[in-house]
PDB file of N, CA and C in Angstrom:
ATOM      1  N   MET A   1      39.058 -34.850  66.143  1.00  0.00           N
ATOM      2  CA  MET A   1      38.492 -35.525  67.504  1.00  0.00           C
ATOM      3  C   MET A   1      37.798 -36.468  66.897  1.00  0.00           C
ATOM      4  N   LEU A   2      37.889 -37.844  67.640  1.00  0.00           N
ATOM      5  CA  LEU A   2      36.340 -38.786  67.687  1.00  0.00           C
ATOM      6  C   LEU A   2      35.654 -38.630  68.697  1.00  0.00           C
ATOM      7  N   TYR A   3      34.326 -38.974  68.205  1.00  0.00           N
ATOM      8  CA  TYR A   3      33.036 -39.176  69.509  1.00  0.00           C
ATOM      9  C   TYR A   3      32.764 -40.279  70.208  1.00  0.00           C
ATOM     10  N   SER A   4      32.655 -40.882  71.098  1.00  0.00           N
ATOM     11  CA  SER A   4      31.914 -41.888  71.399  1.00  0.00           C
ATOM     12  C   SER A   4      31.306 -41.881  72.306  1.00  0.00           C
ATOM     13  N   LEU A   5      30.570 -42.671  72.929  1.00  0.00           N
ATOM     14  CA  LEU A   5      29.381 -42.820  74.148  1.00  0.00           C
ATOM     15  C   LEU A   5      30.488 -42.454  75.165  1.00  0.00           C
ATOM     16  N   GLY A   6      29.731 -41.474  76.182  1.00  0.00           N
ATOM     17  CA  GLY A   6      30.490 -41.239  77.439  1.00  0.00           C
ATOM     18  C   GLY A   6      31.636 -40.309  77.495  1.00  0.00           C
ATOM     19  N   MET A   7      31.728 -39.498  76.695  1.00  0.00           N
ATOM     20  CA  MET A   7      33.245 -39.087  76.182  1.00  0.00           C
ATOM     21  C   MET A   7      32.756 -37.417  75.850  1.00  0.00           C
ATOM     22  N   LEU A   8      32.979 -36.534  77.094  1.00  0.00           N
ATOM     23  CA  LEU A   8      32.671 -35.376  76.701  1.00  0.00           C
ATOM     24  C   LEU A   8      34.186 -34.517  77.251  1.00  0.00           C
ATOM     25  N   SER A   9      35.163 -34.064  76.547  1.00  0.00           N
ATOM     26  CA  SER A   9      36.034 -33.312  77.199  1.00  0.00           C
ATOM     27  C   SER A   9      35.988 -32.185  77.553  1.00  0.00           C
ATOM     28  N   ALA A  10      36.768 -31.502  78.320  1.00  0.00           N
ATOM     29  CA  ALA A  10      37.080 -30.255  78.843  1.00  0.00           C
ATOM     30  C   ALA A  10      36.518 -29.365  78.259  1.00  0.00           C
ATOM     31  N   ASP A  11      37.452 -29.636  77.029  1.00  0.00           N
ATOM     32  CA  ASP A  11      36.748 -28.257  75.635  1.00  0.00           C
ATOM     33  C   ASP A  11      35.678 -28.664  75.339  1.00  0.00           C
ATOM     34  N   ASP A  12      34.980 -29.315  75.182  1.00  0.00           N
ATOM     35  CA  ASP A  12      34.223 -29.677  74.886  1.00  0.00           C
ATOM     36  C   ASP A  12      33.054 -29.196  76.138  1.00  0.00           C
ATOM     37  N   LEU A  13      32.969 -29.336  77.158  1.00  0.00           N
ATOM     38  CA  LEU A  13      32.203 -28.368  78.569  1.00  0.00           C
ATOM     39  C   LEU A  13      32.356 -27.371  78.239  1.00  0.00           C
ATOM     40  N   LYS A  14      33.555 -26.341  77.731  1.00  0.00           N
ATOM     41  CA  LYS A  14      33.753 -25.183  77.537  1.00  0.00           C
ATOM     42  C   LYS A  14      33.241 -25.237  76.333  1.00  0.00           C
ATOM     43  N   ILE A  15      32.884 -25.444  75.962  1.00  0.00           N
ATOM     44  CA  ILE A  15      32.220 -24.570  74.441  1.00  0.00           C
ATOM     45  C   ILE A  15      30.654 -24.843  74.901  1.00  0.00           C
ATOM     46  N   LEU A  16      30.042 -26.156  75.190  1.00  0.00           N
ATOM     47  CA  LEU A  16      28.644 -25.791  76.238  1.00  0.00           C
ATOM     48  C   LEU A  16      28.300 -24.569  76.766  1.00  0.00           C
ATOM     49  N   ASN A  17      29.177 -24.189  77.436  1.00  0.00           N
ATOM     50  CA  ASN A  17      28.812 -23.084  78.873  1.00  0.00           C
ATOM     51  C   ASN A  17      29.145 -22.133  78.103  1.00  0.00           C
ATOM     52  N   PHE A  18      29.927 -21.919  77.053  1.00  0.00           N
ATOM     53  CA  PHE A  18      30.128 -20.419  76.455  1.00  0.00           C
ATOM     54  C   PHE A  18      28.519 -20.182  75.803  1.00  0.00           C
ATOM     55  N   GLU A  19      28.383 -21.673  74.894  1.00  0.00           N
ATOM     56  CA  GLU A  19      26.650 -21.486  74.438  1.00  0.00           C
ATOM     57  C   GLU A  19      25.879 -20.904  75.789  1.00  0.00           C
ATOM     58  N   ALA A  20      26.330 -21.697  76.466  1.00  0.00           N
ATOM     59  CA  ALA A  20      24.755 -20.757  77.655  1.00  0.00           C
ATOM     60  C   ALA A  20      24.829 -19.780  77.677  1.00  0.00           C
ATOM     61  N   SER A  21      25.884 -19.011  77.017  1.00  0.00           N
ATOM     62  CA  SER A  21      26.013 -17.222  77.593  1.00  0.00           C
ATOM     63  C   SER A  21      26.833 -16.432  77.033  1.00  0.00           C
ATOM     64  N   ALA A  22      26.572 -16.918  75.514  1.00  0.00           N
ATOM     65  CA  ALA A  22      27.450 -16.187  74.138  1.00  0.00           C
ATOM     66  C   ALA A  22      26.873 -14.940  73.597  1.00  0.00           C
ATOM     67  N   PRO A  23      27.499 -14.363  73.660  1.00  0.00           N
ATOM     68  CA  PRO A  23      26.345 -12.809  72.790  1.00  0.00           C
ATOM     69  C   PRO A  23      25.901 -12.893  71.636  1.00  0.00           C
ATOM     70  N   ARG A  24      24.933 -12.384  71.459  1.00  0.00           N
ATOM     71  CA  ARG A  24      23.568 -12.651  71.050  1.00  0.00           C
ATOM     72  C   ARG A  24      23.714 -12.263  69.089  1.00  0.00           C
ATOM     73  N   GLY A  25      24.884 -11.518  68.980  1.00  0.00           N
ATOM     74  CA  GLY A  25      24.864 -10.995  67.572  1.00  0.00           C
ATOM     75  C   GLY A  25      25.939 -11.969  67.578  1.00  0.00           C
ATOM     76  N   VAL A  26      26.171 -11.967  65.901  1.00  0.00           N
ATOM     77  CA  VAL A  26      27.236 -12.603  64.900  1.00  0.00           C
ATOM     78  C   VAL A  26      28.229 -11.956  65.057  1.00  0.00           C
ATOM     79  N   GLY A  27      28.117 -10.777  65.260  1.00  0.00           N
ATOM     80  CA  GLY A  27      30.158 -10.517  65.020  1.00  0.00           C
ATOM     81  C   GLY A  27      30.448 -10.500  66.395  1.00  0.00           C
ATOM     82  N   ALA A  28      30.114 -10.666  66.965  1.00  0.00           N
ATOM     83  CA  ALA A  28      30.498 -10.196  68.518  1.00  0.00           C
ATOM     84  C   ALA A  28      30.879 -11.489  68.687  1.00  0.00           C
ATOM     85  N   LYS A  29      29.356 -12.536  68.907  1.00  0.00           N
ATOM     86  CA  LYS A  29      29.844 -14.094  69.149  1.00  0.00           C
ATOM     87  C   LYS A  29      31.448 -14.705  68.055  1.00  0.00           C
ATOM     88  N   GLU A  30      31.454 -14.234  66.889  1.00  0.00           N
ATOM     89  CA  GLU A  30      33.003 -14.762  66.672  1.00  0.00           C
ATOM     90  C   GLU A  30      34.066 -14.205  67.214  1.00  0.00           C
ATOM     91  N   GLU A  31      33.800 -12.767  67.380  1.00  0.00           N
ATOM     92  CA  GLU A  31      34.981 -12.438  68.067  1.00  0.00           C
ATOM     93  C   GLU A  31      34.958 -12.816  69.779  1.00  0.00           C
ATOM     94  N   ALA A  32      34.125 -13.175  70.155  1.00  0.00           N
ATOM     95  CA  ALA A  32      34.046 -13.643  71.363  1.00  0.00           C
ATOM     96  C   ALA A  32      34.864 -15.640  71.238  1.00  0.00           C
ATOM     97  N   ILE A  33      34.213 -15.644  70.387  1.00  0.00           N
ATOM     98  CA  ILE A  33      34.462 -17.268  70.188  1.00  0.00           C
ATOM     99  C   ILE A  33      36.407 -17.495  69.773  1.00  0.00           C
ATOM    100  N   ARG A  34      36.235 -16.166  68.774  1.00  0.00           N
ATOM    101  CA  ARG A  34      38.087 -16.120  68.278  1.00  0.00           C
ATOM    102  C   ARG A  34      39.331 -16.421  69.812  1.00  0.00           C
ATOM    103  N   ALA A  35      38.527 -15.509  70.565  1.00  0.00           N
ATOM    104  CA  ALA A  35      39.160 -14.556  71.927  1.00  0.00           C
ATOM    105  C   ALA A  35      39.887 -15.758  73.107  1.00  0.00           C
ATOM    106  N   THR A  36      38.166 -16.736  72.659  1.00  0.00           N
ATOM    107  CA  THR A  36      37.794 -17.368  73.994  1.00  0.00           C
ATOM    108  C   THR A  36      38.694 -18.850  73.871  1.00  0.00           C
ATOM    109  N   PHE A  37      38.270 -19.083  72.544  1.00  0.00           N
ATOM    110  CA  PHE A  37      38.780 -20.710  72.021  1.00  0.00           C
ATOM    111  C   PHE A  37      40.265 -20.621  70.933  1.00  0.00           C
ATOM    112  N   ASP A  38      40.887 -19.248  70.419  1.00  0.00           N
ATOM    113  CA  ASP A  38      41.660 -19.235  69.771  1.00  0.00           C
ATOM    114  C   ASP A  38      41.517 -20.236  68.120  1.00  0.00           C
ATOM    115  N   ILE A  39      40.474 -20.157  67.494  1.00  0.00           N
ATOM    116  CA  ILE A  39      39.923 -20.889  66.879  1.00  0.00           C
ATOM    117  C   ILE A  39      39.099 -19.749  66.055  1.00  0.00           C
ATOM    118  N   ALA A  40      38.986 -20.589  64.377  1.00  0.00           N
ATOM    119  CA  ALA A  40      38.177 -19.796  63.571  1.00  0.00           C
ATOM    120  C   ALA A  40      36.138 -20.695  63.885  1.00  0.00           C
ATOM    121  N   PRO A  41      36.148 -19.337  63.979  1.00  0.00           N
ATOM    122  CA  PRO A  41      34.179 -19.776  63.811  1.00  0.00           C
ATOM    123  C   PRO A  41      33.701 -20.617  63.340  1.00  0.00           C
ATOM    124  N   VAL A  42      33.986 -21.253  62.129  1.00  0.00           N
ATOM    125  CA  VAL A  42      33.805 -21.896  60.657  1.00  0.00           C
ATOM    126  C   VAL A  42      33.959 -23.485  62.270  1.00  0.00           C
ATOM    127  N   ARG A  43      35.159 -23.907  62.253  1.00  0.00           N
ATOM    128  CA  ARG A  43      35.750 -24.754  62.915  1.00  0.00           C
ATOM    129  C   ARG A  43      35.382 -25.006  64.740  1.00  0.00           C
ATOM    130  N   TYR A  44      35.041 -23.729  65.394  1.00  0.00           N
ATOM    131  CA  TYR A  44      33.959 -23.811  66.246  1.00  0.00           C
ATOM    132  C   TYR A  44      32.612 -24.610  66.119  1.00  0.00           C
ATOM    133  N   TYR A  45      31.567 -23.884  65.199  1.00  0.00           N
ATOM    134  CA  TYR A  45      30.581 -24.658  64.713  1.00  0.00           C
ATOM    135  C   TYR A  45      30.558 -26.257  64.482  1.00  0.00           C
ATOM    136  N   GLN A  46      31.797 -26.487  63.538  1.00  0.00           N
ATOM    137  CA  GLN A  46      32.292 -27.761  63.549  1.00  0.00           C
ATOM    138  C   GLN A  46      31.973 -28.491  64.639  1.00  0.00           C
ATOM    139  N   ARG A  47      32.458 -28.364  65.534  1.00  0.00           N
ATOM    140  CA  ARG A  47      32.995 -28.962  66.837  1.00  0.00           C
ATOM    141  C   ARG A  47      31.325 -28.928  67.661  1.00  0.00           C
ATOM    142  N   LEU A  48      31.496 -28.036  67.844  1.00  0.00           N
ATOM    143  CA  LEU A  48      29.589 -27.618  68.961  1.00  0.00           C
ATOM    144  C   LEU A  48      28.585 -28.730  67.880  1.00  0.00           C
ATOM    145  N   ASN A  49      28.322 -28.439  66.637  1.00  0.00           N
ATOM    146  CA  ASN A  49      27.326 -29.490  65.843  1.00  0.00           C
ATOM    147  C   ASN A  49      27.744 -31.314  66.300  1.00  0.00           C
ATOM    148  N   LEU A  50      29.321 -31.678  66.191  1.00  0.00           N
ATOM    149  CA  LEU A  50      29.526 -33.312  66.850  1.00  0.00           C
ATOM    150  C   LEU A  50      29.204 -33.204  68.495  1.00  0.00           C
ATOM    151  N   ILE A  51      29.336 -32.290  69.045  1.00  0.00           N
ATOM    152  CA  ILE A  51      29.102 -32.362  70.666  1.00  0.00           C
ATOM    153  C   ILE A  51      27.520 -32.454  71.032  1.00  0.00           C
ATOM    154  N   ILE A  52      26.860 -31.687  69.964  1.00  0.00           N
ATOM    155  CA  ILE A  52      25.506 -31.774  70.718  1.00  0.00           C
ATOM    156  C   ILE A  52      24.498 -32.941  70.418  1.00  0.00           C
ATOM    157  N   ASP A  53      25.376 -34.121  68.917  1.00  0.00           N
ATOM    158  CA  ASP A  53      24.941 -35.185  69.245  1.00  0.00           C
ATOM    159  C   ASP A  53      25.454 -36.347  69.411  1.00  0.00           C
ATOM    160  N   THR A  54      26.123 -35.454  71.040  1.00  0.00           N
ATOM    161  CA  THR A  54      25.985 -37.011  71.542  1.00  0.00           C
ATOM    162  C   THR A  54      25.146 -36.656  73.114  1.00  0.00           C
ATOM    163  N   PRO A  55      25.227 -38.228  73.540  1.00  0.00           N
ATOM    164  CA  PRO A  55      23.559 -38.262  74.922  1.00  0.00           C
ATOM    165  C   PRO A  55      24.612 -37.533  75.869  1.00  0.00           C
ATOM    166  N   ASP A  56      25.783 -37.202  76.334  1.00  0.00           N
ATOM    167  CA  ASP A  56      26.562 -36.906  77.335  1.00  0.00           C
ATOM    168  C   ASP A  56      25.949 -35.019  77.553  1.00  0.00           C
ATOM    169  N   ALA A  57      26.079 -34.692  76.238  1.00  0.00           N
ATOM    170  CA  ALA A  57      25.561 -33.168  76.151  1.00  0.00           C
ATOM    171  C   ALA A  57      24.180 -33.244  76.550  1.00  0.00           C
ATOM    172  N   MET A  58      23.312 -34.315  75.844  1.00  0.00           N
ATOM    173  CA  MET A  58      22.059 -34.120  75.775  1.00  0.00           C
ATOM    174  C   MET A  58      21.436 -33.752  77.754  1.00  0.00           C
ATOM    175  N   LYS A  59      22.480 -35.064  78.353  1.00  0.00           N
ATOM    176  CA  LYS A  59      22.393 -35.410  79.681  1.00  0.00           C
ATOM    177  C   LYS A  59      22.671 -34.085  80.472  1.00  0.00           C
ATOM    178  N   LEU A  60      23.937 -33.745  80.213  1.00  0.00           N
ATOM    179  CA  LEU A  60      24.453 -32.466  80.936  1.00  0.00           C
ATOM    180  C   LEU A  60      23.466 -31.198  80.875  1.00  0.00           C
ATOM    181  N   ASN A  61      22.878 -30.911  79.729  1.00  0.00           N
ATOM    182  CA  ASN A  61      22.240 -29.424  79.305  1.00  0.00           C
ATOM    183  C   ASN A  61      20.954 -29.702  78.636  1.00  0.00           C
ATOM    184  N   PRO A  62      20.184 -30.657  79.131  1.00  0.00           N
ATOM    185  CA  PRO A  62      19.111 -30.899  78.291  1.00  0.00           C
ATOM    186  C   PRO A  62      18.369 -29.829  77.215  1.00  0.00           C
ATOM    187  N   THR A  63      17.658 -28.616  77.869  1.00  0.00           N
ATOM    188  CA  THR A  63      17.324 -27.353  77.092  1.00  0.00           C
ATOM    189  C   THR A  63      18.346 -26.887  76.522  1.00  0.00           C
ATOM    190  N   LEU A  64      19.621 -26.665  76.242  1.00  0.00           N
ATOM    191  CA  LEU A  64      20.646 -26.498  75.799  1.00  0.00           C
ATOM    192  C   LEU A  64      20.814 -26.775  74.517  1.00  0.00           C
ATOM    193  N   VAL A  65      20.983 -27.640  74.991  1.00  0.00           N
ATOM    194  CA  VAL A  65      21.819 -28.788  73.589  1.00  0.00           C
ATOM    195  C   VAL A  65      20.106 -29.209  72.625  1.00  0.00           C
ATOM    196  N   SER A  66      18.750 -29.464  73.139  1.00  0.00           N
ATOM    197  CA  SER A  66      18.374 -29.327  72.620  1.00  0.00           C
ATOM    198  C   SER A  66      17.562 -28.264  71.667  1.00  0.00           C
ATOM    199  N   ARG A  67      17.757 -26.876  72.603  1.00  0.00           N
ATOM    200  CA  ARG A  67      17.998 -25.568  71.407  1.00  0.00           C
ATOM    201  C   ARG A  67      18.510 -26.019  70.178  1.00  0.00           C
ATOM    202  N   LEU A  68      19.713 -26.542  70.623  1.00  0.00           N
ATOM    203  CA  LEU A  68      20.896 -26.059  69.574  1.00  0.00           C
ATOM    204  C   LEU A  68      20.917 -27.261  68.449  1.00  0.00           C
ATOM    205  N   ARG A  69      20.743 -27.884  69.211  1.00  0.00           N
ATOM    206  CA  ARG A  69      19.777 -29.383  67.871  1.00  0.00           C
ATOM    207  C   ARG A  69      18.296 -28.461  66.773  1.00  0.00           C
ATOM    208  N   ARG A  70      17.842 -27.834  67.156  1.00  0.00           N
ATOM    209  CA  ARG A  70      16.967 -27.195  66.532  1.00  0.00           C
ATOM    210  C   ARG A  70      17.137 -26.158  65.754  1.00  0.00           C
ATOM    211  N   ARG A  71      17.741 -25.754  66.533  1.00  0.00           N
ATOM    212  CA  ARG A  71      18.756 -24.401  65.478  1.00  0.00           C
ATOM    213  C   ARG A  71      19.296 -24.624  63.809  1.00  0.00           C
ATOM    214  N   ALA A  72      19.993 -25.880  64.118  1.00  0.00           N
ATOM    215  CA  ALA A  72      20.968 -26.863  63.743  1.00  0.00           C
ATOM    216  C   ALA A  72      20.544 -27.568  62.475  1.00  0.00           C
ATOM    217  N   GLY A  73      18.824 -27.773  63.038  1.00  0.00           N
ATOM    218  CA  GLY A  73      17.801 -28.698  61.767  1.00  0.00           C
ATOM    219  C   GLY A  73      17.785 -29.831  62.497  1.00  0.00           C
ATOM    220  N   LYS A  74      18.373 -30.030  62.976  1.00  0.00           N
ATOM    221  CA  LYS A  74      18.274 -31.847  63.866  1.00  0.00           C
ATOM    222  C   LYS A  74      17.476 -32.518  64.897  1.00  0.00           C
ATOM    223  N   ILE A  75      16.338 -32.085  64.898  1.00  0.00           N
ATOM    224  CA  ILE A  75      15.185 -31.967  65.499  1.00  0.00           C
ATOM    225  C   ILE A  75      14.238 -32.518  65.013  1.00  0.00           C
ATOM    226  N   ASP A  76      13.503 -33.867  64.740  1.00  0.00           N
ATOM    227  CA  ASP A  76      13.012 -34.670  64.218  1.00  0.00           C
ATOM    228  C   ASP A  76      11.635 -33.058  64.409  1.00  0.00           C
TER     229      ASP A  76
END
């Protein structure tokens, strides 16, 4: 999916909401990703990394997105 300014899909919002309450353990989180989204964790993280680069995601939940960007090494 290509992203442009002003576009967060319903799936994008679901991913951000999931991140806000996702299990902390890696194994448990990967299992929850598969069960919730029916995609491989690698695909989930690829999409999440695109989402957290959008201005709309930052506007929606700046605390969460900032934390995710720091974790991904995207904050200066």
